[in-house]
Amino acid sequence: MKYRKLGNTDITVSSLCIGGMSFGERLPDSPQWTLNEKETEEIIDHAWHLGINFIDTANQYAGGTSEAFIGKAIKNLGIPRDKVVIASKVYFNEGHLSKEAIEREIDGTLSRLQTDYLDLYQIHRFDYGTPIEETLETLDALVKKGKVCALGASSMYGYQLHNMLIAMEKHNWTPFSTMQNHYNLLYREDERELIPVCRQYGLSLIPYSPLAGGHLSRREWNSSSLRSEKDAIVKRRYDASKEADLKVIERVAETADKYQVSMSEIALAWLFAKGVTSPLIGATKKAHFDDALHALEIALTNEDLEYLESCYVPHFLKGPIPNPKSL
């Protein structure tokens, strides 16, 4: 396993992150492919023994049960709290990113995770209804209180991230250290503005959906897996651009054949070549982490990168929330 620092912090994370969206109860309004408590514990145990010390979740994943399952697994496995890096997110809740909402939601998150603090707390989206100063001052106060060690953001427009970072500098508030954005070989729109802003301010990229919901792990568009059949989010993200994306998928398959590795290993190796710190691996099987670990040893050439990237076509934005007043 390789390890890297998160942004400008002293927090050291593994180059692979356990994605918590794979865990939790199968509630009526949540994914129907998530793992139960026992399966969650087994996956985390396997990842931990591979050297993965970074776990990401969110307050609304499976109605909060993702956080609860993760907290219970860490406790049951006897993983030392100071050796694991726990991240969670806030936004998809009543009040979004208002002071009242953040203060309420952080306490719920800490309780479910059975911990006194979070290593990384991220705003899950941009909140058009709350002044950014209110949000950022509240987050800074959580750091000062010791409830949170570092701050991060997730999918948004580049100008929104830039405005927030400027406000943080102006008021001397704790800056963002990470960006959890939508980034993979089938979706590269953030290369235009968001990622350059992250590079300018030294934010680490910890992208979600690194395998495009499984599309970058197989030649066929769909599979017989429960997630492929039930994951409505993946269908909304990718089905509209299927024809163009199949050309990229074919090149991933050809490159995998060249190196005699799996397609998922090539897709992840591409992310590492692009400077990603720790992609979120939404694993439902132990083998998913084994494949991901192998990707760290693959060094793609410049010719490989050009071949994988050159047939990409622009996509509609999937991730940032549009301003409701402009719709």
C-alpha atoms as a PDB file:
ATOM      1  CA  MET A   1       0.000   0.000   0.000  1.00  0.00           C
ATOM      2  CA  LYS A   2       1.138   3.557  -0.702  1.00  0.00           C
ATOM      3  CA  TYR A   3       0.271   6.502   1.525  1.00  0.00           C
ATOM      4  CA  ARG A   4      -0.126  10.202   0.885  1.00  0.00           C
ATOM      5  CA  LYS A   5      -0.929  13.384   2.791  1.00  0.00           C
ATOM      6  CA  LEU A   6      -4.386  14.946   2.497  1.00  0.00           C
ATOM      7  CA  GLY A   7      -3.908  18.408   1.027  1.00  0.00           C
ATOM      8  CA  ASN A   8      -1.765  20.561   3.295  1.00  0.00           C
ATOM      9  CA  THR A   9      -2.679  18.611   6.437  1.00  0.00           C
ATOM     10  CA  ASP A  10      -0.618  16.146   8.469  1.00  0.00           C
ATOM     11  CA  ILE A  11      -3.228  13.437   7.870  1.00  0.00           C
ATOM     12  CA  THR A  12      -1.768  10.402   6.102  1.00  0.00           C
ATOM     13  CA  VAL A  13      -4.158   8.243   4.086  1.00  0.00           C
ATOM     14  CA  SER A  14      -3.842   5.094   2.037  1.00  0.00           C
ATOM     15  CA  SER A  15      -3.978   5.530  -1.729  1.00  0.00           C
ATOM     16  CA  LEU A  16      -7.303   3.687  -1.706  1.00  0.00           C
ATOM     17  CA  CYS A  17     -10.375   4.720   0.269  1.00  0.00           C
ATOM     18  CA  ILE A  18     -13.255   2.511   1.416  1.00  0.00           C
ATOM     19  CA  GLY A  19     -16.459   3.975  -0.016  1.00  0.00           C
ATOM     20  CA  GLY A  20     -19.232   3.808   2.565  1.00  0.00           C
ATOM     21  CA  MET A  21     -22.106   4.022   0.105  1.00  0.00           C
ATOM     22  CA  SER A  22     -21.794   0.230  -0.219  1.00  0.00           C
ATOM     23  CA  PHE A  23     -22.876  -0.274   3.401  1.00  0.00           C
ATOM     24  CA  GLY A  24     -26.189   0.041   5.204  1.00  0.00           C
ATOM     25  CA  GLU A  25     -29.741  -1.174   5.441  1.00  0.00           C
ATOM     26  CA  ARG A  26     -31.732  -1.532   2.225  1.00  0.00           C
ATOM     27  CA  LEU A  27     -34.364   1.051   3.013  1.00  0.00           C
ATOM     28  CA  PRO A  28     -37.195   1.903   0.565  1.00  0.00           C
ATOM     29  CA  ASP A  29     -35.495   5.136  -0.572  1.00  0.00           C
ATOM     30  CA  SER A  30     -31.876   3.902  -0.460  1.00  0.00           C
ATOM     31  CA  PRO A  31     -29.774   1.574  -2.678  1.00  0.00           C
ATOM     32  CA  GLN A  32     -30.933  -2.026  -2.789  1.00  0.00           C
ATOM     33  CA  TRP A  33     -27.461  -3.511  -3.219  1.00  0.00           C
ATOM     34  CA  THR A  34     -25.796  -2.450   0.031  1.00  0.00           C
ATOM     35  CA  LEU A  35     -24.063  -4.837   2.459  1.00  0.00           C
ATOM     36  CA  ASN A  36     -25.448  -5.768   5.860  1.00  0.00           C
ATOM     37  CA  GLU A  37     -23.592  -5.367   9.178  1.00  0.00           C
ATOM     38  CA  LYS A  38     -21.718  -8.663   8.996  1.00  0.00           C
ATOM     39  CA  GLU A  39     -20.728  -8.177   5.357  1.00  0.00           C
ATOM     40  CA  THR A  40     -19.645  -4.598   6.071  1.00  0.00           C
ATOM     41  CA  GLU A  41     -17.395  -5.775   8.877  1.00  0.00           C
ATOM     42  CA  GLU A  42     -15.848  -8.456   6.648  1.00  0.00           C
ATOM     43  CA  ILE A  43     -15.122  -5.962   3.861  1.00  0.00           C
ATOM     44  CA  ILE A  44     -13.583  -3.406   6.227  1.00  0.00           C
ATOM     45  CA  ASP A  45     -11.510  -6.123   7.913  1.00  0.00           C
ATOM     46  CA  HIS A  46     -10.141  -7.271   4.555  1.00  0.00           C
ATOM     47  CA  ALA A  47      -9.361  -3.728   3.421  1.00  0.00           C
ATOM     48  CA  TRP A  48      -7.702  -2.930   6.759  1.00  0.00           C
ATOM     49  CA  HIS A  49      -5.384  -5.923   6.430  1.00  0.00           C
ATOM     50  CA  LEU A  50      -4.430  -4.728   2.941  1.00  0.00           C
ATOM     51  CA  GLY A  51      -3.252  -1.483   4.531  1.00  0.00           C
ATOM     52  CA  ILE A  52      -6.281   0.678   3.700  1.00  0.00           C
ATOM     53  CA  ASN A  53      -6.771   3.145   6.567  1.00  0.00           C
ATOM     54  CA  PHE A  54      -9.190   5.605   4.923  1.00  0.00           C
ATOM     55  CA  ILE A  55     -13.002   5.254   5.129  1.00  0.00           C
ATOM     56  CA  ASP A  56     -15.523   7.685   3.642  1.00  0.00           C
ATOM     57  CA  THR A  57     -19.250   7.827   4.285  1.00  0.00           C
ATOM     58  CA  ALA A  58     -22.070  10.392   4.572  1.00  0.00           C
ATOM     59  CA  ASN A  59     -24.869  11.236   6.971  1.00  0.00           C
ATOM     60  CA  GLN A  60     -27.595  10.242   4.530  1.00  0.00           C
ATOM     61  CA  TYR A  61     -26.159   7.013   3.118  1.00  0.00           C
ATOM     62  CA  ALA A  62     -28.792   4.345   3.758  1.00  0.00           C
ATOM     63  CA  GLY A  63     -30.552   6.671   6.178  1.00  0.00           C
ATOM     64  CA  GLY A  64     -27.483   6.974   8.396  1.00  0.00           C
ATOM     65  CA  THR A  65     -27.008   3.216   8.736  1.00  0.00           C
ATOM     66  CA  SER A  66     -23.801   3.333   6.660  1.00  0.00           C
ATOM     67  CA  GLU A  67     -22.191   5.417   9.393  1.00  0.00           C
ATOM     68  CA  ALA A  68     -23.627   3.126  12.059  1.00  0.00           C
ATOM     69  CA  PHE A  69     -22.341  -0.039  10.353  1.00  0.00           C
ATOM     70  CA  ILE A  70     -18.877   1.483   9.889  1.00  0.00           C
ATOM     71  CA  GLY A  71     -18.668   2.654  13.491  1.00  0.00           C
ATOM     72  CA  LYS A  72     -19.696  -0.756  14.785  1.00  0.00           C
ATOM     73  CA  ALA A  73     -17.247  -2.553  12.479  1.00  0.00           C
ATOM     74  CA  ILE A  74     -14.296  -0.414  13.591  1.00  0.00           C
ATOM     75  CA  LYS A  75     -15.156  -1.103  17.230  1.00  0.00           C
ATOM     76  CA  ASN A  76     -15.741  -4.848  16.748  1.00  0.00           C
ATOM     77  CA  LEU A  77     -12.504  -5.281  14.777  1.00  0.00           C
ATOM     78  CA  GLY A  78     -10.498  -3.453  17.419  1.00  0.00           C
ATOM     79  CA  ILE A  79      -9.078  -0.968  14.908  1.00  0.00           C
ATOM     80  CA  PRO A  80      -7.294   1.788  16.886  1.00  0.00           C
ATOM     81  CA  ARG A  81      -9.111   5.100  16.402  1.00  0.00           C
ATOM     82  CA  ASP A  82      -5.890   7.020  15.867  1.00  0.00           C
ATOM     83  CA  LYS A  83      -4.845   4.646  13.078  1.00  0.00           C
ATOM     84  CA  VAL A  84      -7.947   4.988  10.901  1.00  0.00           C
ATOM     85  CA  VAL A  85      -8.961   8.098   8.960  1.00  0.00           C
ATOM     86  CA  ILE A  86     -12.747   8.565   9.009  1.00  0.00           C
ATOM     87  CA  ALA A  87     -14.501  10.992   6.677  1.00  0.00           C
ATOM     88  CA  SER A  88     -18.169  11.884   6.385  1.00  0.00           C
ATOM     89  CA  LYS A  89     -20.306  14.479   4.649  1.00  0.00           C
ATOM     90  CA  VAL A  90     -23.193  16.891   5.227  1.00  0.00           C
ATOM     91  CA  TYR A  91     -25.754  18.522   2.900  1.00  0.00           C
ATOM     92  CA  PHE A  92     -28.538  16.097   1.970  1.00  0.00           C
ATOM     93  CA  ASN A  93     -30.455  16.820   5.160  1.00  0.00           C
ATOM     94  CA  GLU A  94     -32.917  19.350   6.508  1.00  0.00           C
ATOM     95  CA  GLY A  95     -31.337  22.795   6.382  1.00  0.00           C
ATOM     96  CA  HIS A  96     -28.517  21.700   4.066  1.00  0.00           C
ATOM     97  CA  LEU A  97     -25.442  23.724   5.147  1.00  0.00           C
ATOM     98  CA  SER A  98     -26.992  26.188   7.581  1.00  0.00           C
ATOM     99  CA  LYS A  99     -25.313  26.650  10.970  1.00  0.00           C
ATOM    100  CA  GLU A 100     -28.185  24.880  12.710  1.00  0.00           C
ATOM    101  CA  ALA A 101     -28.091  21.951  10.295  1.00  0.00           C
ATOM    102  CA  ILE A 102     -24.323  21.425  10.437  1.00  0.00           C
ATOM    103  CA  GLU A 103     -24.240  21.558  14.239  1.00  0.00           C
ATOM    104  CA  ARG A 104     -27.107  19.070  14.412  1.00  0.00           C
ATOM    105  CA  GLU A 105     -25.772  16.712  11.764  1.00  0.00           C
ATOM    106  CA  ILE A 106     -22.181  16.504  13.042  1.00  0.00           C
ATOM    107  CA  ASP A 107     -23.429  15.268  16.413  1.00  0.00           C
ATOM    108  CA  GLY A 108     -25.571  12.622  14.740  1.00  0.00           C
ATOM    109  CA  THR A 109     -22.660  11.519  12.569  1.00  0.00           C
ATOM    110  CA  LEU A 110     -20.256  11.258  15.508  1.00  0.00           C
ATOM    111  CA  SER A 111     -22.809   9.281  17.512  1.00  0.00           C
ATOM    112  CA  ARG A 112     -23.440   6.785  14.719  1.00  0.00           C
ATOM    113  CA  LEU A 113     -19.723   6.357  14.044  1.00  0.00           C
ATOM    114  CA  GLN A 114     -19.046   5.934  17.792  1.00  0.00           C
ATOM    115  CA  THR A 115     -16.244   8.494  17.776  1.00  0.00           C
ATOM    116  CA  ASP A 116     -15.493  11.857  19.372  1.00  0.00           C
ATOM    117  CA  TYR A 117     -14.142  13.431  16.189  1.00  0.00           C
ATOM    118  CA  LEU A 118     -13.958  13.148  12.414  1.00  0.00           C
ATOM    119  CA  ASP A 119     -10.655  13.286  10.583  1.00  0.00           C
ATOM    120  CA  LEU A 120     -12.342  14.844   7.550  1.00  0.00           C
ATOM    121  CA  TYR A 121     -15.738  16.575   7.271  1.00  0.00           C
ATOM    122  CA  GLN A 122     -16.951  17.451   3.790  1.00  0.00           C
ATOM    123  CA  ILE A 123     -19.776  19.534   2.397  1.00  0.00           C
ATOM    124  CA  HIS A 124     -21.560  17.141   0.070  1.00  0.00           C
ATOM    125  CA  ARG A 125     -22.791  19.825  -2.342  1.00  0.00           C
ATOM    126  CA  PHE A 126     -22.987  23.621  -2.647  1.00  0.00           C
ATOM    127  CA  ASP A 127     -25.899  25.217  -0.762  1.00  0.00           C
ATOM    128  CA  TYR A 128     -27.576  28.064  -2.678  1.00  0.00           C
ATOM    129  CA  GLY A 129     -29.848  28.836   0.269  1.00  0.00           C
ATOM    130  CA  THR A 130     -27.181  29.584   2.889  1.00  0.00           C
ATOM    131  CA  PRO A 131     -24.545  32.351   2.751  1.00  0.00           C
ATOM    132  CA  ILE A 132     -21.143  30.731   2.307  1.00  0.00           C
ATOM    133  CA  GLU A 133     -19.815  32.746   5.253  1.00  0.00           C
ATOM    134  CA  GLU A 134     -22.339  31.098   7.574  1.00  0.00           C
ATOM    135  CA  THR A 135     -21.347  27.642   6.379  1.00  0.00           C
ATOM    136  CA  LEU A 136     -17.604  28.214   6.480  1.00  0.00           C
ATOM    137  CA  GLU A 137     -17.583  29.907   9.885  1.00  0.00           C
ATOM    138  CA  THR A 138     -19.609  27.013  11.319  1.00  0.00           C
ATOM    139  CA  LEU A 139     -17.200  24.454   9.852  1.00  0.00           C
ATOM    140  CA  ASP A 140     -14.231  26.391  11.197  1.00  0.00           C
ATOM    141  CA  ALA A 141     -15.827  26.359  14.658  1.00  0.00           C
ATOM    142  CA  LEU A 142     -16.064  22.545  14.497  1.00  0.00           C
ATOM    143  CA  VAL A 143     -12.327  22.392  13.894  1.00  0.00           C
ATOM    144  CA  LYS A 144     -11.648  24.744  16.800  1.00  0.00           C
ATOM    145  CA  LYS A 145     -13.867  22.603  19.064  1.00  0.00           C
ATOM    146  CA  GLY A 146     -11.965  19.462  18.101  1.00  0.00           C
ATOM    147  CA  LYS A 147     -14.958  17.740  16.544  1.00  0.00           C
ATOM    148  CA  VAL A 148     -13.306  17.832  13.107  1.00  0.00           C
ATOM    149  CA  CYS A 149      -9.630  17.762  12.095  1.00  0.00           C
ATOM    150  CA  ALA A 150      -9.829  18.785   8.426  1.00  0.00           C
ATOM    151  CA  LEU A 151     -12.417  20.046   5.949  1.00  0.00           C
ATOM    152  CA  GLY A 152     -13.295  19.082   2.400  1.00  0.00           C
ATOM    153  CA  ALA A 153     -15.830  19.683  -0.341  1.00  0.00           C
ATOM    154  CA  SER A 154     -17.591  17.571  -2.935  1.00  0.00           C
ATOM    155  CA  SER A 155     -19.010  18.123  -6.419  1.00  0.00           C
ATOM    156  CA  MET A 156     -19.673  21.751  -7.295  1.00  0.00           C
ATOM    157  CA  TYR A 157     -18.805  24.299  -9.959  1.00  0.00           C
ATOM    158  CA  GLY A 158     -15.276  25.627 -10.092  1.00  0.00           C
ATOM    159  CA  TYR A 159     -16.311  29.211  -9.366  1.00  0.00           C
ATOM    160  CA  GLN A 160     -18.189  28.088  -6.249  1.00  0.00           C
ATOM    161  CA  LEU A 161     -15.144  26.321  -4.845  1.00  0.00           C
ATOM    162  CA  HIS A 162     -12.969  29.327  -5.707  1.00  0.00           C
ATOM    163  CA  ASN A 163     -15.341  31.750  -3.959  1.00  0.00           C
ATOM    164  CA  MET A 164     -15.388  29.600  -0.835  1.00  0.00           C
ATOM    165  CA  LEU A 165     -11.607  29.282  -0.734  1.00  0.00           C
ATOM    166  CA  ILE A 166     -11.242  33.057  -1.093  1.00  0.00           C
ATOM    167  CA  ALA A 167     -13.685  33.586   1.796  1.00  0.00           C
ATOM    168  CA  MET A 168     -11.711  31.134   3.923  1.00  0.00           C
ATOM    169  CA  GLU A 169      -8.504  33.065   3.226  1.00  0.00           C
ATOM    170  CA  LYS A 170     -10.146  36.429   3.925  1.00  0.00           C
ATOM    171  CA  HIS A 171     -11.503  35.390   7.332  1.00  0.00           C
ATOM    172  CA  ASN A 172      -8.613  33.090   8.257  1.00  0.00           C
ATOM    173  CA  TRP A 173     -10.978  30.119   8.512  1.00  0.00           C
ATOM    174  CA  THR A 174      -9.806  26.520   8.156  1.00  0.00           C
ATOM    175  CA  PRO A 175      -9.439  25.880   4.407  1.00  0.00           C
ATOM    176  CA  PHE A 176     -10.618  22.876   2.450  1.00  0.00           C
ATOM    177  CA  SER A 177      -8.007  20.143   2.077  1.00  0.00           C
ATOM    178  CA  THR A 178      -9.853  17.777  -0.271  1.00  0.00           C
ATOM    179  CA  MET A 179     -12.255  17.616  -3.185  1.00  0.00           C
ATOM    180  CA  GLN A 180     -14.452  14.538  -3.594  1.00  0.00           C
ATOM    181  CA  ASN A 181     -15.619  14.961  -7.161  1.00  0.00           C
ATOM    182  CA  HIS A 182     -17.018  12.858  -9.969  1.00  0.00           C
ATOM    183  CA  TYR A 183     -13.978  11.809 -11.997  1.00  0.00           C
ATOM    184  CA  ASN A 184     -13.117   8.822 -14.170  1.00  0.00           C
ATOM    185  CA  LEU A 185     -12.282   7.967 -17.781  1.00  0.00           C
ATOM    186  CA  LEU A 186     -15.955   8.289 -18.761  1.00  0.00           C
ATOM    187  CA  TYR A 187     -16.472  11.630 -17.005  1.00  0.00           C
ATOM    188  CA  ARG A 188     -13.708  14.231 -17.182  1.00  0.00           C
ATOM    189  CA  GLU A 189     -15.632  17.513 -17.189  1.00  0.00           C
ATOM    190  CA  ASP A 190     -13.978  18.702 -13.972  1.00  0.00           C
ATOM    191  CA  GLU A 191     -10.659  18.921 -15.830  1.00  0.00           C
ATOM    192  CA  ARG A 192     -11.919  22.203 -17.295  1.00  0.00           C
ATOM    193  CA  GLU A 193     -12.277  24.330 -14.148  1.00  0.00           C
ATOM    194  CA  LEU A 194     -12.781  22.492 -10.841  1.00  0.00           C
ATOM    195  CA  ILE A 195      -9.583  20.443 -10.851  1.00  0.00           C
ATOM    196  CA  PRO A 196      -7.367  23.430 -11.824  1.00  0.00           C
ATOM    197  CA  VAL A 197      -8.787  25.309  -8.813  1.00  0.00           C
ATOM    198  CA  CYS A 198      -7.980  22.310  -6.617  1.00  0.00           C
ATOM    199  CA  ARG A 199      -4.424  22.255  -7.942  1.00  0.00           C
ATOM    200  CA  GLN A 200      -4.033  25.997  -7.355  1.00  0.00           C
ATOM    201  CA  TYR A 201      -4.984  25.654  -3.684  1.00  0.00           C
ATOM    202  CA  GLY A 202      -3.355  22.288  -3.000  1.00  0.00           C
ATOM    203  CA  LEU A 203      -6.535  20.248  -2.481  1.00  0.00           C
ATOM    204  CA  SER A 204      -6.208  16.468  -2.719  1.00  0.00           C
ATOM    205  CA  LEU A 205      -8.537  14.728  -5.152  1.00  0.00           C
ATOM    206  CA  ILE A 206     -10.458  11.813  -3.628  1.00  0.00           C
ATOM    207  CA  PRO A 207     -12.975  11.130  -6.427  1.00  0.00           C
ATOM    208  CA  TYR A 208     -16.104   9.026  -6.219  1.00  0.00           C
ATOM    209  CA  SER A 209     -17.243   6.622  -8.946  1.00  0.00           C
ATOM    210  CA  PRO A 210     -13.677   5.904 -10.180  1.00  0.00           C
ATOM    211  CA  LEU A 211     -14.943   2.917 -12.176  1.00  0.00           C
ATOM    212  CA  ALA A 212     -18.049   4.707 -13.469  1.00  0.00           C
ATOM    213  CA  GLY A 213     -20.388   2.461 -11.527  1.00  0.00           C
ATOM    214  CA  GLY A 214     -18.706  -0.665 -12.889  1.00  0.00           C
ATOM    215  CA  HIS A 215     -18.753   0.356 -16.564  1.00  0.00           C
ATOM    216  CA  LEU A 216     -14.955   0.608 -16.615  1.00  0.00           C
ATOM    217  CA  SER A 217     -14.543  -2.890 -15.203  1.00  0.00           C
ATOM    218  CA  ARG A 218     -16.124  -4.853 -18.073  1.00  0.00           C
ATOM    219  CA  ARG A 219     -16.526  -4.750 -21.871  1.00  0.00           C
ATOM    220  CA  GLU A 220     -20.313  -5.043 -21.710  1.00  0.00           C
ATOM    221  CA  TRP A 221     -22.385  -2.028 -20.697  1.00  0.00           C
ATOM    222  CA  ASN A 222     -24.517  -3.944 -18.184  1.00  0.00           C
ATOM    223  CA  SER A 223     -23.874  -6.941 -15.988  1.00  0.00           C
ATOM    224  CA  SER A 224     -25.981  -9.375 -13.995  1.00  0.00           C
ATOM    225  CA  SER A 225     -24.822  -7.941 -10.658  1.00  0.00           C
ATOM    226  CA  LEU A 226     -27.424  -6.638  -8.231  1.00  0.00           C
ATOM    227  CA  ARG A 227     -25.869  -3.165  -8.335  1.00  0.00           C
ATOM    228  CA  SER A 228     -25.923  -3.019 -12.143  1.00  0.00           C
ATOM    229  CA  GLU A 229     -29.599  -3.969 -12.130  1.00  0.00           C
ATOM    230  CA  LYS A 230     -30.718  -1.816  -9.165  1.00  0.00           C
ATOM    231  CA  ASP A 231     -28.459   1.267  -9.126  1.00  0.00           C
ATOM    232  CA  ALA A 232     -30.640   4.052 -10.515  1.00  0.00           C
ATOM    233  CA  ILE A 233     -27.960   6.657  -9.757  1.00  0.00           C
ATOM    234  CA  VAL A 234     -25.468   4.974 -12.090  1.00  0.00           C
ATOM    235  CA  LYS A 235     -28.077   4.752 -14.827  1.00  0.00           C
ATOM    236  CA  ARG A 236     -28.800   8.489 -14.553  1.00  0.00           C
ATOM    237  CA  ARG A 237     -25.113   9.334 -14.652  1.00  0.00           C
ATOM    238  CA  TYR A 238     -24.050   7.241 -17.618  1.00  0.00           C
ATOM    239  CA  ASP A 239     -26.782   5.764 -19.796  1.00  0.00           C
ATOM    240  CA  ALA A 240     -27.305   8.946 -21.842  1.00  0.00           C
ATOM    241  CA  SER A 241     -23.710   8.849 -23.117  1.00  0.00           C
ATOM    242  CA  LYS A 242     -23.511   5.093 -23.632  1.00  0.00           C
ATOM    243  CA  GLU A 243     -22.528   5.075 -27.313  1.00  0.00           C
ATOM    244  CA  ALA A 244     -19.624   7.488 -26.879  1.00  0.00           C
ATOM    245  CA  ASP A 245     -18.483   5.860 -23.662  1.00  0.00           C
ATOM    246  CA  LEU A 246     -18.350   2.372 -25.168  1.00  0.00           C
ATOM    247  CA  LYS A 247     -15.443   3.557 -27.342  1.00  0.00           C
ATOM    248  CA  VAL A 248     -13.487   4.530 -24.230  1.00  0.00           C
ATOM    249  CA  ILE A 249     -14.394   1.239 -22.552  1.00  0.00           C
ATOM    250  CA  GLU A 250     -13.030  -0.687 -25.521  1.00  0.00           C
ATOM    251  CA  ARG A 251      -9.708   1.145 -25.219  1.00  0.00           C
ATOM    252  CA  VAL A 252      -9.571   0.347 -21.521  1.00  0.00           C
ATOM    253  CA  ALA A 253     -10.117  -3.315 -22.383  1.00  0.00           C
ATOM    254  CA  GLU A 254      -7.365  -3.247 -25.022  1.00  0.00           C
ATOM    255  CA  THR A 255      -4.932  -1.613 -22.601  1.00  0.00           C
ATOM    256  CA  ALA A 256      -5.824  -4.188 -19.941  1.00  0.00           C
ATOM    257  CA  ASP A 257      -5.037  -6.949 -22.433  1.00  0.00           C
ATOM    258  CA  LYS A 258      -1.706  -5.274 -23.215  1.00  0.00           C
ATOM    259  CA  TYR A 259      -0.659  -5.314 -19.546  1.00  0.00           C
ATOM    260  CA  GLN A 260      -2.464  -8.602 -18.784  1.00  0.00           C
ATOM    261  CA  VAL A 261      -4.430  -7.029 -15.929  1.00  0.00           C
ATOM    262  CA  SER A 262      -8.095  -6.289 -15.276  1.00  0.00           C
ATOM    263  CA  MET A 263      -9.908  -3.313 -16.776  1.00  0.00           C
ATOM    264  CA  SER A 264     -10.565  -1.867 -13.333  1.00  0.00           C
ATOM    265  CA  GLU A 265      -6.818  -1.843 -12.672  1.00  0.00           C
ATOM    266  CA  ILE A 266      -6.239   0.218 -15.820  1.00  0.00           C
ATOM    267  CA  ALA A 267      -9.048   2.647 -14.960  1.00  0.00           C
ATOM    268  CA  LEU A 268      -7.583   3.206 -11.493  1.00  0.00           C
ATOM    269  CA  ALA A 269      -4.018   3.405 -12.792  1.00  0.00           C
ATOM    270  CA  TRP A 270      -5.191   6.220 -15.081  1.00  0.00           C
ATOM    271  CA  LEU A 271      -6.529   8.141 -12.069  1.00  0.00           C
ATOM    272  CA  PHE A 272      -3.224   7.757 -10.237  1.00  0.00           C
ATOM    273  CA  ALA A 273      -1.410   8.989 -13.350  1.00  0.00           C
ATOM    274  CA  LYS A 274      -3.661  12.077 -13.242  1.00  0.00           C
ATOM    275  CA  GLY A 275      -2.536  12.870  -9.699  1.00  0.00           C
ATOM    276  CA  VAL A 276      -5.484  11.547  -7.703  1.00  0.00           C
ATOM    277  CA  THR A 277      -4.660  10.991  -4.027  1.00  0.00           C
ATOM    278  CA  SER A 278      -7.162   8.307  -2.994  1.00  0.00           C
ATOM    279  CA  PRO A 279     -10.174   7.222  -5.081  1.00  0.00           C
ATOM    280  CA  LEU A 280     -13.234   5.865  -3.278  1.00  0.00           C
ATOM    281  CA  ILE A 281     -13.650   2.143  -3.870  1.00  0.00           C
ATOM    282  CA  GLY A 282     -17.310   1.212  -3.441  1.00  0.00           C
ATOM    283  CA  ALA A 283     -16.551  -2.460  -2.979  1.00  0.00           C
ATOM    284  CA  THR A 284     -19.162  -5.128  -2.336  1.00  0.00           C
ATOM    285  CA  LYS A 285     -16.607  -7.962  -2.687  1.00  0.00           C
ATOM    286  CA  LYS A 286     -13.166  -8.423  -1.148  1.00  0.00           C
ATOM    287  CA  ALA A 287     -11.676  -9.013  -4.593  1.00  0.00           C
ATOM    288  CA  HIS A 288     -12.553  -5.440  -5.564  1.00  0.00           C
ATOM    289  CA  PHE A 289      -9.932  -4.170  -3.134  1.00  0.00           C
ATOM    290  CA  ASP A 290      -7.384  -6.749  -4.312  1.00  0.00           C
ATOM    291  CA  ASP A 291      -7.747  -5.482  -7.896  1.00  0.00           C
ATOM    292  CA  ALA A 292      -7.556  -1.874  -6.762  1.00  0.00           C
ATOM    293  CA  LEU A 293      -4.348  -2.556  -4.842  1.00  0.00           C
ATOM    294  CA  HIS A 294      -2.696  -4.008  -7.956  1.00  0.00           C
ATOM    295  CA  ALA A 295      -3.449  -0.789  -9.844  1.00  0.00           C
ATOM    296  CA  LEU A 296      -0.917   1.065  -7.710  1.00  0.00           C
ATOM    297  CA  GLU A 297       1.883  -0.883  -9.388  1.00  0.00           C
ATOM    298  CA  ILE A 298       0.875  -0.079 -12.978  1.00  0.00           C
ATOM    299  CA  ALA A 299       2.791   2.742 -14.651  1.00  0.00           C
ATOM    300  CA  LEU A 300       0.918   3.831 -17.773  1.00  0.00           C
ATOM    301  CA  THR A 301       3.020   5.456 -20.490  1.00  0.00           C
ATOM    302  CA  ASN A 302       2.220   8.803 -22.105  1.00  0.00           C
ATOM    303  CA  GLU A 303       1.146   6.846 -25.181  1.00  0.00           C
ATOM    304  CA  ASP A 304      -1.243   4.793 -23.034  1.00  0.00           C
ATOM    305  CA  LEU A 305      -2.744   7.945 -21.544  1.00  0.00           C
ATOM    306  CA  GLU A 306      -3.234   9.549 -24.945  1.00  0.00           C
ATOM    307  CA  TYR A 307      -4.868   6.394 -26.303  1.00  0.00           C
ATOM    308  CA  LEU A 308      -7.245   6.108 -23.338  1.00  0.00           C
ATOM    309  CA  GLU A 309      -8.192   9.803 -23.430  1.00  0.00           C
ATOM    310  CA  SER A 310      -8.281  10.786 -27.101  1.00  0.00           C
ATOM    311  CA  CYS A 311     -11.758   9.505 -27.986  1.00  0.00           C
ATOM    312  CA  TYR A 312     -13.468  11.235 -25.038  1.00  0.00           C
ATOM    313  CA  VAL A 313     -16.319  13.592 -25.947  1.00  0.00           C
ATOM    314  CA  PRO A 314     -17.873  16.327 -23.760  1.00  0.00           C
ATOM    315  CA  HIS A 315     -20.613  15.210 -21.390  1.00  0.00           C
ATOM    316  CA  PHE A 316     -23.461  16.955 -19.639  1.00  0.00           C
ATOM    317  CA  LEU A 317     -22.448  17.901 -16.109  1.00  0.00           C
ATOM    318  CA  LYS A 318     -23.283  15.216 -13.552  1.00  0.00           C
ATOM    319  CA  GLY A 319     -22.499  16.041  -9.958  1.00  0.00           C
ATOM    320  CA  PRO A 320     -22.835  19.799  -9.319  1.00  0.00           C
ATOM    321  CA  ILE A 321     -26.306  21.052  -8.440  1.00  0.00           C
ATOM    322  CA  PRO A 322     -27.505  23.828 -10.790  1.00  0.00           C
ATOM    323  CA  ASN A 323     -28.740  27.093  -9.303  1.00  0.00           C
ATOM    324  CA  PRO A 324     -32.519  26.613  -8.945  1.00  0.00           C
ATOM    325  CA  LYS A 325     -33.035  30.287  -9.825  1.00  0.00           C
ATOM    326  CA  SER A 326     -31.485  29.737 -13.270  1.00  0.00           C
ATOM    327  CA  LEU A 327     -33.729  26.805 -14.211  1.00  0.00           C
END
